[in-house]
Amino acid sequence: MKGNKVEKPITLLREEFSERLLSLINESGLPFFVVEDVMKNIIPNVSAAANKQLDIDRQSYLKALEEYKTEEENKAEQHNSKDGDMQ
């Protein structure tokens, strides 16, 4: 939960998306060979967007990890310098 907002789990979002997509396909009135062609054209765009998001998430994670590591090193250095001052 972020703030006062309850976020829906990704599993439920996926299930709802799948159900809506299937309803849209079934209600479109298009023959399935047309739907198949449309889906084949969409999949490369979705894959590209997913790969881009993966790269963004990876970079964000690595940056956060590096910042955490730096903070921990700084804390350790401060702690060590205080210990040295006490002697």
Protein backbone atom coordinates (compact mmCIF):
# COMPACT_ATOMS: atom_id res chain seq x y z
CA MET A 1 0.00 0.00 0.00
CA LYS A 2 1.40 3.38 -0.99
CA GLY A 3 0.11 6.23 1.11
CA ASN A 4 -3.62 5.77 1.52
CA LYS A 5 -4.07 4.00 -1.82
CA VAL A 6 -4.47 0.23 -2.01
CA GLU A 7 -2.85 -1.09 -5.16
CA LYS A 8 -4.34 -4.07 -6.95
CA PRO A 9 -1.90 -7.00 -7.24
CA ILE A 10 -0.37 -7.56 -10.67
CA THR A 11 -1.95 -11.03 -10.80
CA LEU A 12 -5.45 -9.54 -10.58
CA LEU A 13 -4.59 -6.81 -13.09
CA ARG A 14 -3.34 -9.49 -15.50
CA GLU A 15 -6.49 -11.58 -15.06
CA GLU A 16 -8.77 -8.59 -15.63
CA PHE A 17 -6.79 -7.51 -18.68
CA SER A 18 -7.01 -10.99 -20.19
CA GLU A 19 -10.76 -11.14 -19.59
CA ARG A 20 -11.34 -7.70 -21.16
CA LEU A 21 -9.16 -8.53 -24.15
CA LEU A 22 -11.01 -11.79 -24.76
CA SER A 23 -14.36 -9.99 -24.46
CA LEU A 24 -13.20 -7.35 -26.92
CA ILE A 25 -12.07 -10.01 -29.39
CA ASN A 26 -15.30 -11.99 -29.04
CA GLU A 27 -17.50 -8.88 -29.34
CA SER A 28 -15.56 -7.41 -32.30
CA GLY A 29 -17.37 -9.55 -34.83
CA LEU A 30 -14.11 -9.99 -36.73
CA PRO A 31 -13.16 -13.40 -38.09
CA PHE A 32 -10.40 -15.01 -36.06
CA PHE A 33 -7.94 -14.94 -38.96
CA VAL A 34 -8.22 -11.13 -38.87
CA VAL A 35 -7.81 -11.06 -35.09
CA GLU A 36 -4.77 -13.31 -35.44
CA ASP A 37 -3.20 -10.95 -37.98
CA VAL A 38 -3.85 -7.93 -35.76
CA MET A 39 -2.35 -9.73 -32.77
CA LYS A 40 0.74 -10.69 -34.79
CA ASN A 41 1.24 -7.00 -35.60
CA ILE A 42 0.76 -5.93 -31.99
CA ILE A 43 3.07 -8.45 -30.35
CA PRO A 44 6.36 -6.93 -31.60
CA ASN A 45 5.31 -3.52 -30.23
CA VAL A 46 4.36 -5.00 -26.87
CA SER A 47 7.62 -6.97 -26.73
CA ALA A 48 9.67 -3.86 -27.51
CA ALA A 49 7.86 -1.88 -24.80
CA ALA A 50 8.35 -4.72 -22.30
CA ASN A 51 12.07 -4.90 -23.07
CA LYS A 52 12.39 -1.13 -22.70
CA GLN A 53 10.63 -1.28 -19.32
CA LEU A 54 12.91 -4.11 -18.25
CA ASP A 55 15.96 -2.00 -19.12
CA ILE A 56 14.54 1.00 -17.22
CA ASP A 57 13.74 -1.17 -14.18
CA ARG A 58 17.21 -2.76 -14.26
CA GLN A 59 18.96 0.62 -14.42
CA SER A 60 16.77 2.01 -11.64
CA TYR A 61 17.49 -1.02 -9.46
CA LEU A 62 21.24 -0.88 -10.06
CA LYS A 63 21.28 2.84 -9.27
CA ALA A 64 19.32 2.32 -6.04
CA LEU A 65 21.61 -0.56 -5.10
CA GLU A 66 24.69 1.59 -5.70
CA GLU A 67 23.20 4.45 -3.66
CA TYR A 68 22.42 2.04 -0.82
CA LYS A 69 25.95 0.63 -0.95
CA THR A 70 27.43 4.15 -0.84
CA GLU A 71 25.21 5.10 2.12
CA GLU A 72 26.23 1.98 4.02
CA GLU A 73 29.91 2.64 3.32
CA ASN A 74 29.51 6.23 4.51
CA LYS A 75 27.80 5.04 7.72
CA ALA A 76 30.60 2.55 8.34
CA GLU A 77 33.25 5.23 7.77
CA GLN A 78 31.47 7.61 10.16
CA HIS A 79 31.19 4.87 12.76
CA ASN A 80 34.88 3.96 12.38
CA SER A 81 35.97 7.60 12.63
CA LYS A 82 33.91 8.04 15.83
CA ASP A 83 35.52 4.92 17.29
CA GLY A 84 38.94 6.33 16.43
CA ASP A 85 38.09 9.65 18.10
CA MET A 86 37.17 7.91 21.35
CA GLN A 87 40.58 6.26 21.78
